[in-house]
Protein backbone atom coordinates (compact mmCIF):
# COMPACT_ATOMS: atom_id res chain seq x y z
CA MET A 1 -31.93 -2.55 3.24
CA GLY A 2 -31.32 -0.80 6.45
CA GLY A 3 -27.40 -1.10 6.15
CA VAL A 4 -27.91 0.36 2.30
CA MET A 5 -29.79 3.55 3.90
CA MET A 6 -27.30 3.81 5.90
CA ARG A 7 -24.32 3.97 3.94
CA CYS A 8 -26.30 6.40 1.52
CA ALA A 9 -26.71 8.65 4.90
CA ALA A 10 -23.19 8.58 5.43
CA ASN A 11 -21.46 9.32 1.99
CA ALA A 12 -24.07 12.34 2.26
CA LEU A 13 -21.96 13.72 5.23
CA LEU A 14 -19.13 13.46 3.17
CA GLY A 15 -20.23 14.90 0.02
CA LEU A 16 -19.50 11.31 -2.34
CA PHE A 17 -22.56 10.31 -3.69
CA ALA A 18 -21.70 6.85 -5.24
CA LEU A 19 -24.39 5.12 -6.82
CA CYS A 20 -26.81 3.49 -3.90
CA VAL A 21 -29.33 1.70 -5.10
CA VAL A 22 -32.51 0.94 -2.51
CA PRO A 23 -33.98 -2.13 -3.12
CA ALA A 24 -37.55 -2.22 -3.59
CA ALA A 25 -40.28 -2.43 -1.07
CA GLY A 26 -40.34 -6.30 0.02
CA ALA A 27 -37.66 -7.23 -2.30
CA ASP A 28 -34.89 -9.63 -1.02
CA ASP A 29 -31.73 -11.45 -2.14
CA THR A 30 -33.95 -14.85 -2.79
CA SER A 31 -34.56 -15.81 -6.39
CA MET A 32 -37.64 -14.53 -7.91
CA LYS A 33 -37.90 -18.33 -9.85
CA GLY A 34 -40.85 -20.22 -9.36
CA ARG A 35 -42.91 -16.84 -7.63
CA THR A 36 -46.49 -16.20 -9.10
CA SER A 37 -46.29 -12.28 -9.39
CA VAL A 38 -48.74 -9.79 -11.25
CA ALA A 39 -47.20 -7.90 -13.65
CA SER A 40 -49.70 -5.34 -15.82
CA ILE A 41 -47.38 -2.24 -15.99
CA SER A 42 -45.56 -1.97 -18.85
CA VAL A 43 -41.48 -0.84 -18.32
CA PRO A 44 -39.48 1.28 -20.83
CA ALA A 45 -37.27 -0.30 -23.33
CA MET A 46 -34.08 -0.77 -22.67
CA PRO A 47 -31.62 2.47 -22.71
CA ALA A 48 -29.48 2.98 -25.61
CA GLY A 49 -25.86 1.70 -25.39
CA PHE A 50 -27.10 -0.45 -22.29
CA ALA A 51 -24.81 -3.56 -23.11
CA ARG A 52 -22.05 -1.69 -24.12
CA ARG A 53 -21.94 -0.18 -20.78
CA VAL A 54 -22.65 -3.64 -18.67
CA GLN A 55 -19.85 -5.12 -21.06
CA ALA A 56 -17.22 -2.04 -19.76
CA ILE A 57 -18.14 -2.73 -16.18
CA THR A 58 -17.30 -6.14 -16.09
CA ASP A 59 -14.19 -5.37 -18.34
CA ALA A 60 -12.88 -2.71 -15.68
CA VAL A 61 -13.19 -5.27 -12.88
CA LEU A 62 -11.66 -7.83 -14.56
CA GLU A 63 -9.14 -6.09 -14.95
CA HIS A 64 -8.42 -3.87 -12.48
CA HIS A 65 -9.66 -5.95 -9.08
CA VAL A 66 -7.48 -8.16 -7.12
CA ASP A 67 -9.39 -10.79 -7.05
CA PRO A 68 -12.59 -10.71 -9.90
CA PRO A 69 -15.54 -12.88 -10.35
CA VAL A 70 -15.98 -14.58 -13.89
CA ARG A 71 -18.03 -12.12 -15.94
CA GLN A 72 -21.39 -14.74 -16.40
CA GLN A 73 -21.31 -14.62 -12.93
CA MET A 74 -21.47 -10.98 -12.62
CA VAL A 75 -23.89 -10.97 -16.01
CA LEU A 76 -26.48 -13.60 -14.18
CA SER A 77 -26.22 -11.89 -10.88
CA GLY A 78 -27.37 -8.79 -12.33
CA ILE A 79 -30.01 -9.93 -14.65
CA LYS A 80 -31.37 -11.30 -11.38
CA SER A 81 -31.61 -8.13 -9.63
CA LEU A 82 -33.44 -6.74 -12.38
CA TYR A 83 -36.11 -9.35 -12.46
CA ARG A 84 -36.39 -8.72 -8.71
CA ALA A 85 -36.20 -4.90 -9.17
CA ALA A 86 -39.41 -5.60 -11.77
CA GLY A 87 -41.09 -7.79 -9.22
CA VAL A 88 -41.24 -10.58 -11.66
CA ALA A 89 -40.16 -14.55 -11.88
CA GLU A 90 -36.81 -15.06 -13.75
CA PRO A 91 -37.02 -17.14 -16.86
CA LEU A 92 -35.84 -20.80 -16.96
CA GLY A 93 -32.44 -21.42 -17.95
CA LEU A 94 -31.46 -18.32 -17.57
CA GLY A 95 -27.82 -19.84 -16.63
CA ARG A 96 -26.96 -21.66 -19.45
CA LYS A 97 -27.46 -18.72 -21.74
CA VAL A 98 -25.26 -16.48 -19.87
CA SER A 99 -23.03 -19.01 -20.06
CA ALA A 100 -23.44 -19.07 -23.90
CA ILE A 101 -22.39 -14.98 -24.04
CA THR A 102 -18.65 -14.37 -25.56
CA THR A 103 -18.60 -11.05 -27.12
CA VAL A 104 -20.81 -7.83 -26.78
CA GLU A 105 -22.88 -8.12 -29.75
CA GLN A 106 -24.66 -11.71 -27.86
CA LEU A 107 -24.23 -9.68 -24.82
CA ASP A 108 -27.22 -7.44 -26.34
CA GLY A 109 -28.78 -9.87 -28.08
CA LEU A 110 -29.63 -11.53 -24.87
CA LEU A 111 -30.11 -8.01 -22.72
CA ARG A 112 -32.73 -7.09 -25.13
CA ASP A 113 -34.26 -10.87 -24.72
CA VAL A 114 -34.56 -10.84 -21.06
CA TRP A 115 -35.35 -7.04 -20.56
CA PRO A 116 -38.91 -7.32 -18.53
CA ARG A 117 -41.79 -6.36 -20.81
CA ALA A 118 -44.02 -5.62 -17.72
CA ALA A 119 -43.38 -5.15 -14.11
CA SER A 120 -45.52 -5.13 -10.49
CA ARG A 121 -44.92 -1.55 -9.97
CA PRO A 122 -44.32 1.84 -11.82
CA LEU A 123 -40.51 2.17 -12.85
CA ARG A 124 -38.15 4.16 -14.97
CA ALA A 125 -35.49 2.68 -17.35
CA GLN A 126 -32.89 4.45 -14.94
CA THR A 127 -34.15 2.35 -11.55
CA LEU A 128 -33.97 -0.76 -13.92
CA GLU A 129 -30.45 0.31 -15.61
CA GLU A 130 -29.10 0.62 -11.51
CA ALA A 131 -30.42 -2.89 -10.44
CA LEU A 132 -28.78 -4.55 -13.22
CA PHE A 133 -25.73 -2.88 -12.16
CA GLU A 134 -26.01 -3.46 -8.39
CA GLY A 135 -26.53 -6.95 -8.93
CA LEU A 136 -23.68 -6.76 -11.50
CA LEU A 137 -21.44 -5.86 -9.13
CA ALA A 138 -23.07 -8.06 -6.12
CA ASP A 139 -20.30 -10.64 -6.09
CA VAL A 140 -17.26 -8.61 -6.26
CA SER A 141 -15.09 -9.15 -3.03
CA GLY A 142 -14.61 -5.98 -0.86
CA GLY A 143 -17.71 -4.67 -2.59
CA ALA A 144 -17.90 -2.09 -5.50
CA GLU A 145 -19.94 1.09 -6.85
CA VAL A 146 -20.73 2.82 -9.73
CA MET A 147 -20.16 6.56 -10.05
CA THR A 148 -20.48 8.83 -12.44
CA ALA A 149 -16.90 10.59 -13.70
CA ARG A 150 -18.06 14.17 -11.56
CA GLU A 151 -18.49 12.09 -8.71
CA ALA A 152 -15.33 10.32 -9.50
CA ARG A 153 -13.44 13.61 -9.12
CA VAL A 154 -14.82 14.34 -5.96
CA ALA A 155 -13.94 11.22 -4.08
CA GLU A 156 -10.33 12.09 -5.41
CA GLN A 157 -10.70 15.36 -3.87
CA MET A 158 -11.75 14.29 -0.73
CA ALA A 159 -8.89 11.55 -1.00
CA GLY A 160 -6.70 14.61 -1.15
CA ASN A 161 -8.00 16.59 1.34
CA ARG A 162 -9.28 19.66 -1.43
CA TYR A 163 -13.03 18.78 -1.39
CA VAL A 164 -14.31 21.58 -3.31
CA GLY A 165 -17.97 23.41 -2.38
CA LEU A 166 -19.88 25.48 -0.02
CA GLN A 167 -18.12 22.59 2.55
CA ILE A 168 -21.80 21.82 4.15
CA ALA A 169 -22.94 18.36 5.29
CA LEU A 170 -26.36 17.86 4.38
CA ARG A 171 -29.84 15.81 5.38
CA MET A 172 -33.13 15.78 4.13
CA ASP A 173 -36.20 16.45 5.68
CA GLU A 174 -39.36 14.75 4.76
CA LYS A 175 -41.18 17.89 5.53
CA ALA A 176 -38.65 21.13 5.10
CA GLY A 177 -36.59 19.53 2.18
CA PRO A 178 -32.76 19.64 2.14
CA VAL A 179 -31.05 21.34 5.31
CA MET A 180 -27.63 21.74 6.13
CA ALA A 181 -26.70 19.39 8.87
CA GLU A 182 -23.55 20.79 9.68
CA ILE A 183 -21.17 24.03 8.56
CA PHE A 184 -17.45 23.41 8.35
CA PRO A 185 -16.01 26.07 10.17
CA GLY A 186 -13.83 28.42 7.54
CA GLY A 187 -16.19 27.47 4.17
CA PRO A 188 -17.91 29.88 2.63
CA ALA A 189 -21.14 28.76 4.20
CA GLY A 190 -19.54 29.16 7.54
CA ARG A 191 -17.77 32.49 7.00
CA ALA A 192 -21.62 34.12 5.39
CA GLY A 193 -22.52 33.05 8.79
CA ILE A 194 -24.98 30.83 8.23
CA ALA A 195 -26.09 28.59 10.77
CA ALA A 196 -26.99 24.78 11.28
CA ASP A 197 -30.29 23.51 10.64
CA THR A 198 -30.75 26.03 7.86
CA VAL A 199 -32.98 24.84 5.05
CA ILE A 200 -32.20 25.27 1.05
CA GLU A 201 -35.48 26.42 -0.88
CA ALA A 202 -34.17 27.43 -3.85
CA ILE A 203 -30.87 26.76 -5.65
CA ASP A 204 -29.94 29.27 -8.75
CA GLY A 205 -33.70 29.98 -8.81
CA THR A 206 -34.93 25.92 -9.14
CA SER A 207 -37.04 25.13 -5.68
CA THR A 208 -35.56 22.02 -4.19
CA ARG A 209 -39.39 20.80 -3.52
CA GLY A 210 -39.61 17.34 -4.96
CA LEU A 211 -35.85 16.81 -5.68
CA SER A 212 -33.67 13.86 -4.37
CA LEU A 213 -30.83 14.32 -1.91
CA ARG A 214 -28.47 13.57 -4.62
CA GLU A 215 -30.14 16.02 -7.10
CA VAL A 216 -29.46 18.68 -4.62
CA VAL A 217 -25.88 18.14 -3.83
CA ASP A 218 -25.78 17.87 -8.19
CA ARG A 219 -26.63 21.50 -7.72
CA LEU A 220 -24.63 22.66 -5.50
CA ARG A 221 -21.49 21.19 -6.88
CA GLY A 222 -19.24 23.31 -9.36
CA ASP A 223 -15.84 24.09 -10.08
CA GLU A 224 -13.45 25.87 -7.57
CA GLY A 225 -14.70 29.48 -7.98
CA THR A 226 -17.44 29.57 -9.30
CA GLU A 227 -20.78 30.94 -7.53
CA VAL A 228 -24.25 29.69 -6.60
CA THR A 229 -27.22 31.43 -5.68
CA LEU A 230 -29.04 30.06 -2.46
CA LEU A 231 -32.44 30.75 -1.21
CA LEU A 232 -32.44 30.14 2.51
CA ARG A 233 -34.61 29.61 5.61
CA GLY A 234 -33.01 30.00 8.62
CA PRO A 235 -34.30 28.05 11.77
CA LYS A 236 -35.12 30.96 13.77
CA ASP A 237 -35.84 33.04 10.32
CA ALA A 238 -39.19 34.92 10.20
CA ALA A 239 -38.65 35.27 5.94
CA SER A 240 -36.27 33.46 3.39
CA ARG A 241 -33.26 35.09 2.39
CA THR A 242 -31.26 35.09 -0.88
CA ILE A 243 -27.25 34.41 -0.51
CA ARG A 244 -24.35 34.27 -3.11
CA LEU A 245 -21.63 32.02 -2.45
CA ARG A 246 -18.43 30.63 -4.21
CA ARG A 247 -17.42 27.33 -4.27
CA GLU A 248 -13.95 27.07 -2.42
CA ALA A 249 -11.62 23.98 -1.19
CA LEU A 250 -11.09 23.48 2.33
CA ALA A 251 -8.67 20.76 3.79
CA ARG A 252 -9.72 19.31 6.73
CA THR A 253 -7.14 18.81 9.84
CA THR A 254 -6.44 15.29 10.28
CA ILE A 255 -4.13 15.36 13.53
CA THR A 256 -5.16 16.98 16.56
CA GLY A 257 -3.67 17.27 19.94
CA ILE A 258 -4.42 16.29 23.61
CA ARG A 259 -7.07 19.44 23.63
CA GLU A 260 -7.87 22.52 21.73
CA ASN A 261 -7.00 25.68 23.18
CA LYS A 262 -9.01 27.63 20.05
CA PRO A 263 -9.88 26.88 16.99
CA GLY A 264 -6.69 25.51 15.33
CA ASP A 265 -4.83 25.46 17.82
CA TRP A 266 -3.92 22.22 19.59
CA GLN A 267 -1.97 21.45 22.87
CA LEU A 268 0.48 18.97 21.67
CA ARG A 269 2.55 18.53 25.25
CA LEU A 270 0.42 15.51 27.84
CA ASP A 271 -0.01 17.05 31.31
CA GLY A 272 2.91 16.22 33.51
CA PRO A 273 6.95 16.82 34.24
CA GLU A 274 7.93 14.17 31.09
CA PRO A 275 8.30 15.79 27.57
CA ILE A 276 5.94 13.63 25.94
CA GLY A 277 4.09 15.17 23.31
CA TYR A 278 0.71 13.30 21.84
CA LEU A 279 -0.92 13.11 18.36
CA ARG A 280 -3.89 12.00 17.38
CA ILE A 281 -4.98 10.59 13.74
CA THR A 282 -8.65 11.10 12.85
CA GLU A 283 -8.40 10.30 9.18
CA LEU A 284 -5.69 9.63 6.57
CA THR A 285 -5.65 11.66 3.34
CA GLY A 286 -3.36 12.79 0.89
CA SER A 287 -2.69 16.13 3.57
CA THR A 288 -1.87 13.29 6.52
CA PRO A 289 1.93 13.17 5.49
CA HIS A 290 2.24 17.00 5.23
CA GLU A 291 0.65 17.76 8.22
CA LEU A 292 2.64 14.97 10.51
CA ARG A 293 6.05 16.63 9.23
CA ARG A 294 4.61 20.29 10.33
CA LEU A 295 3.43 19.10 13.70
CA ALA A 296 7.01 17.39 14.53
CA GLY A 297 8.48 20.84 13.91
CA ARG A 298 6.33 22.34 16.37
CA MET A 299 6.83 19.94 19.32
CA GLU A 300 10.76 19.75 18.87
CA SER A 301 10.90 23.60 19.37
CA LEU A 302 8.65 22.64 22.33
CA GLY A 303 11.30 20.60 24.24
CA LEU A 304 9.45 17.36 23.33
CA ARG A 305 11.53 14.04 23.55
CA ALA A 306 8.92 11.46 22.93
CA LEU A 307 5.52 10.49 21.25
CA VAL A 308 2.06 9.16 21.68
CA LEU A 309 0.89 8.42 18.05
CA ASP A 310 -3.28 7.47 18.66
CA LEU A 311 -4.73 5.57 16.21
CA ARG A 312 -7.69 4.13 18.06
CA TYR A 313 -11.20 4.46 16.39
CA LEU A 314 -9.42 5.40 12.98
CA SER A 315 -11.65 2.71 10.96
CA GLN A 316 -9.75 3.62 7.44
CA ASP A 317 -10.48 1.19 5.17
CA ARG A 318 -10.82 3.22 2.02
CA GLY A 319 -8.24 2.33 0.04
CA GLU A 320 -7.25 5.78 -1.47
CA SER A 321 -5.52 6.12 2.07
CA ALA A 322 -3.03 3.23 1.42
CA HIS A 323 -0.97 5.60 -0.65
CA SER A 324 -0.75 8.09 2.65
CA ALA A 325 0.12 5.25 5.27
CA VAL A 326 2.53 4.25 3.06
CA LEU A 327 4.32 7.75 2.80
CA LEU A 328 3.63 7.84 6.63
CA ALA A 329 5.01 4.99 7.72
CA ASP A 330 8.00 5.99 5.50
CA SER A 331 8.05 9.51 7.32
CA LEU A 332 8.63 7.56 10.72
CA LEU A 333 11.01 4.63 9.61
CA GLU A 334 14.89 5.58 9.37
CA ARG A 335 15.34 2.32 7.40
CA GLY A 336 13.36 -1.19 7.10
CA THR A 337 10.69 -2.57 4.95
CA ILE A 338 7.36 -0.37 4.84
CA GLY A 339 5.32 -2.96 3.60
CA ARG A 340 3.99 -4.54 -0.08
CA ILE A 341 1.17 -4.02 -2.08
CA ARG A 342 -0.31 -6.64 -3.84
CA THR A 343 -2.41 -6.38 -7.13
CA ALA A 344 -3.27 -8.54 -10.17
CA LYS A 345 -0.24 -7.23 -11.78
CA GLY A 346 2.31 -8.62 -8.91
CA VAL A 347 4.07 -7.52 -6.00
CA THR A 348 5.77 -4.27 -5.20
CA THR A 349 7.56 -3.96 -1.95
CA TYR A 350 8.73 -0.36 -0.67
CA GLN A 351 11.60 0.20 1.44
CA ALA A 352 12.18 3.40 4.12
CA ASP A 353 14.44 6.32 3.12
CA ALA A 354 16.84 7.37 5.42
CA ASP A 355 15.23 10.50 6.62
CA ALA A 356 12.51 10.03 9.46
CA LEU A 357 10.57 12.65 11.43
CA PHE A 358 11.34 12.13 15.60
CA ARG A 359 14.98 10.75 14.81
CA GLY A 360 15.67 8.73 18.32
CA TRP A 361 12.07 9.38 20.20
CA PRO A 362 10.58 6.60 21.56
CA ILE A 363 7.12 6.30 20.50
CA ALA A 364 3.77 4.70 21.34
CA VAL A 365 1.33 3.59 19.56
CA LEU A 366 -2.15 3.52 20.80
CA VAL A 367 -4.63 1.00 18.77
CA ASP A 368 -8.02 -0.57 19.74
CA THR A 369 -10.38 -3.18 18.10
CA VAL A 370 -11.98 -0.63 15.96
CA THR A 371 -8.31 0.48 14.29
CA SER A 372 -8.41 -1.18 11.19
CA GLY A 373 -7.94 -1.09 7.09
CA SER A 374 -4.47 1.24 6.48
CA ALA A 375 -4.41 2.02 10.08
CA GLU A 376 -4.24 -1.24 11.43
CA TRP A 377 -1.51 -2.01 8.65
CA LEU A 378 0.36 1.66 9.75
CA ALA A 379 0.52 0.14 13.47
CA ALA A 380 1.80 -3.00 12.25
CA VAL A 381 4.90 -1.65 10.16
CA LEU A 382 5.76 0.49 13.21
CA GLN A 383 5.56 -2.82 15.11
CA ASP A 384 7.36 -4.93 13.13
CA ASN A 385 10.51 -2.64 12.31
CA HIS A 386 10.77 -2.03 16.06
CA ARG A 387 10.52 2.01 15.69
CA ALA A 388 7.08 2.29 18.46
CA VAL A 389 5.70 -0.24 21.04
CA VAL A 390 2.22 -0.97 20.86
CA VAL A 391 -0.13 0.00 23.42
CA GLY A 392 -3.92 -0.98 23.39
CA ARG A 393 -6.20 -3.81 22.97
CA PRO A 394 -5.80 -6.21 19.91
CA THR A 395 -7.01 -5.17 16.85
CA ARG A 396 -9.59 -6.44 14.26
CA GLY A 397 -7.24 -8.71 11.99
CA GLY A 398 -8.70 -10.46 8.98
CA GLY A 399 -9.17 -14.13 11.07
CA LYS A 400 -7.86 -16.42 13.55
CA ALA A 401 -5.86 -17.62 10.54
CA THR A 402 -1.66 -18.40 11.10
CA ARG A 403 0.56 -17.24 8.98
CA SER A 404 0.94 -20.90 7.28
CA ASP A 405 -2.97 -20.43 6.54
CA SER A 406 -4.27 -18.91 3.48
CA ALA A 407 -8.08 -17.26 3.15
CA SER A 408 -9.98 -15.81 0.34
CA LEU A 409 -9.81 -12.06 -0.51
CA GLY A 410 -13.65 -12.07 0.84
CA ARG A 411 -12.48 -12.82 4.77
CA ILE A 412 -9.55 -10.29 4.55
CA LEU A 413 -12.08 -7.80 3.20
CA ARG A 414 -15.34 -8.43 5.78
CA ARG A 415 -12.56 -8.34 8.79
CA GLY A 416 -12.73 -10.99 11.56
CA VAL A 417 -12.84 -10.98 15.08
CA PRO A 418 -9.85 -10.14 17.25
CA ASN A 419 -7.51 -12.23 18.02
CA ALA A 420 -6.05 -12.15 21.84
CA ALA A 421 -3.63 -14.72 21.89
CA PRO A 422 -0.26 -13.91 22.93
CA ARG A 423 2.25 -12.96 20.44
CA GLN A 424 4.72 -15.44 19.46
CA ALA A 425 8.50 -14.22 18.73
CA ASP A 426 9.17 -16.83 15.83
CA SER A 427 5.59 -16.42 14.18
CA ARG A 428 4.68 -12.82 13.16
CA THR A 429 1.78 -12.62 10.96
CA ALA A 430 1.05 -10.18 8.07
CA VAL A 431 -1.46 -7.62 8.75
CA GLU A 432 -3.47 -6.74 5.56
CA ALA A 433 -5.33 -3.68 4.77
CA ALA A 434 -7.52 -3.56 0.93
CA MET A 435 -6.30 -1.21 -0.93
CA ARG A 436 -9.83 0.66 -2.67
CA THR A 437 -9.41 2.60 -5.66
CA ILE A 438 -11.73 4.71 -8.60
CA VAL A 439 -10.53 3.53 -11.83
CA LEU A 440 -12.99 4.78 -15.04
CA VAL A 441 -15.04 2.71 -17.08
CA GLY A 442 -14.38 2.51 -20.98
CA ASP A 443 -14.36 6.12 -22.26
CA GLY A 444 -14.81 7.53 -19.12
CA PRO A 445 -18.63 8.47 -18.59
CA MET A 446 -18.54 6.26 -15.50
CA ALA A 447 -16.01 5.07 -12.81
CA LEU A 448 -15.66 2.34 -10.22
CA SER A 449 -14.46 2.26 -6.47
CA MET A 450 -13.80 -1.30 -5.74
CA VAL A 451 -10.38 -3.28 -4.49
CA THR A 452 -7.45 -3.18 -6.34
CA GLY A 453 -4.76 -4.37 -4.38
CA ILE A 454 -3.96 -5.56 -0.81
CA LEU A 455 -1.47 -3.70 0.92
CA GLU A 456 0.69 -5.83 3.40
CA SER A 457 2.95 -5.35 6.39
CA GLY A 458 6.37 -6.72 6.24
CA GLY A 459 5.96 -9.25 9.02
CA GLY A 460 6.19 -13.05 8.24
CA ARG A 461 6.33 -13.20 4.54
CA GLY A 462 8.55 -12.82 2.39
CA PRO A 463 8.27 -10.25 -1.05
CA GLY A 464 5.82 -12.26 -3.81
CA ALA A 465 4.78 -14.90 -1.26
CA GLY A 466 1.64 -15.98 -1.72
CA THR A 467 -0.97 -15.33 -4.72
CA ALA A 468 -3.51 -12.32 -5.07
CA ASN A 469 -6.18 -15.15 -4.90
CA ALA A 470 -5.41 -16.39 -2.11
CA PRO A 471 -3.64 -13.65 0.34
CA SER A 472 -3.31 -14.40 3.42
CA SER A 473 -5.07 -13.67 6.89
CA GLY A 474 -3.24 -11.99 9.40
CA ARG A 475 -3.82 -12.03 12.92
CA GLY A 476 -4.12 -8.34 12.94
CA VAL A 477 -1.81 -6.14 15.71
CA LEU A 478 -1.47 -7.89 19.16
CA PRO A 479 -0.28 -4.39 22.05
CA ASP A 480 3.15 -5.23 23.15
CA ARG A 481 1.90 -3.87 26.18
CA PRO A 482 -2.06 -5.08 26.54
CA LEU A 483 -4.40 -2.65 28.24
CA PRO A 484 -5.46 -4.70 32.24
CA ALA A 485 -7.72 -7.19 32.11
CA SER A 486 -9.68 -4.78 34.04
CA ALA A 487 -10.05 -2.12 31.50
CA GLY A 488 -13.20 -4.35 29.77
CA GLN A 489 -15.32 -2.96 32.72
CA LEU A 490 -14.82 0.68 32.01
CA LEU A 491 -16.94 0.03 28.54
CA SER A 492 -19.73 -2.00 30.70
CA SER A 493 -23.31 0.14 30.54
CA THR A 494 -24.15 -1.13 33.82
CA GLY A 495 -22.61 -1.41 37.14
CA PRO A 496 -21.86 -3.74 39.79
CA SER A 497 -25.67 -4.21 40.60
CA GLY A 498 -26.86 -4.42 37.13
CA ARG A 499 -28.10 -0.62 37.36
CA ARG A 500 -27.53 1.03 33.54
CA LEU A 501 -25.71 3.60 34.31
CA THR A 502 -26.66 7.53 33.45
CA ARG A 503 -25.34 9.28 30.65
CA ASP A 504 -22.92 11.45 33.04
CA GLU A 505 -21.46 8.04 34.75
CA MET A 506 -20.76 6.41 30.66
CA LYS A 507 -19.34 9.84 30.27
CA ALA A 508 -16.87 9.54 33.62
CA ARG A 509 -16.19 5.89 32.54
CA SER A 510 -15.46 6.93 28.89
CA ILE A 511 -12.88 9.83 30.46
CA GLU A 512 -11.30 6.92 33.09
CA PHE A 513 -11.10 4.02 29.96
CA ASN A 514 -9.08 7.57 27.94
CA THR A 515 -6.96 7.89 30.91
CA LEU A 516 -5.96 4.36 31.19
CA PHE A 517 -4.72 4.46 27.99
CA ILE A 518 -2.69 7.79 27.57
CA ASN A 519 -1.35 6.30 31.41
CA GLU A 520 0.11 2.89 30.00
CA ALA A 521 1.86 4.72 27.12
CA VAL A 522 3.15 7.32 29.14
CA ALA A 523 4.58 4.53 31.43
CA VAL A 524 6.21 3.36 28.56
CA LEU A 525 8.18 6.00 27.52
CA ARG A 526 8.86 7.04 30.97
CA LYS A 527 10.91 4.25 30.88
CA ALA A 528 12.18 4.57 27.41
CA LEU A 529 13.54 8.08 28.13
CA GLN A 530 15.02 6.83 31.39
CA THR A 531 17.28 3.91 29.94
CA PRO A 532 20.42 5.69 28.68
């Protein structure tokens, strides 16, 4: 349950409120079969059109997911989740009944037959519906989320770096209610001078008391240019005040320099005599390739001739970043295979165009054990095409399997432990990242976020090798210049005598660890710049 709550909180900060269902207190993943339960509270009737919504969701998974489970498996898991939510025992022979279903009419009859007549606690029809949907998608590799069409639009805005809203992050305080946890600079709330920790007491005249965080977000959302009236109480205010804000789109900065001189103005040159620049990608979105092209022009005007590209701490597993990663790789490569995308419909291979940024510049890419998903794939592509030297620590990869092995999609999506084995020149392995995209369900009132493909680097395989159901498991990216073995000591929270380090000491170690990365990259680039 803690993991579910953490995912809900993360989505709240981003403004992405995909359907997130918290299991009932005391519920677990084991079957209720054979248990004795007291079900004395009646439940609402099954919602109208419910079977068709279930059918539409399973249709979408079967059509778009790269390795979908069978429909009967999804339906059976969904019904079991329904009974767990109601706190009652599931009927015997449920599997046989589900396996006999072939039409939506039969599915409707089954769901009406198994819909709980009573529960061990008061429940709304929506709660039961969401519980069945959660179980329906439980066996989908890589996970899947149901969201409304409106939430899907917000997700697409975030992926394109054009989120429309008040540009705030929210949290829910048990006593005060919804609180503005963070105010993003340059947004409507920021320009209005609203301080962090301000409580939202009412939205367009409706009190927020008793509303869930999701309900608050729904009321705050709206089309670009529309207005919302808020009743606010700041952390230092003696009384509440009313303010009217206009919803706007605000692009986030996804590439930064070595340090910020002033808001929005980053230093791009590393300290030292060498003309070496530094860029750190903090997020992969639709705007990232454009940002890189703009910064490349600035760096050329500064006379820089080498680049440190920092992909550390970039855990980019959202599939919507895959297209941005492909464009980013294309902008850095003059020629060669960018990679392949494998879906249930086949394999698409991408080749780099001749136009490339930083032409003739040596590049050092920094990676760490956190680097994953599309970011890990990007590092592998640059390494495979000999466009960059990879510096740092091995990335997570998809497991320990070699190129001759195959693994289930689930293993790739769960991500494996780092493989620190040295790179073999004659045995390169493909690095793979899950592509998570959003597809509409049925006629569009709902949408699904799920894995619809595998993004694969060029190393070790030819176009079309393997299948969507049995993709290769890559080793991750093994640095060309790994950090010294002693670097791991800087990550320890204790000193040589076992004494726990203070916060200041840990901060000093973190700075030293970061400096070690930079120095290793500079050493590589310094040598490259000196080579005729």
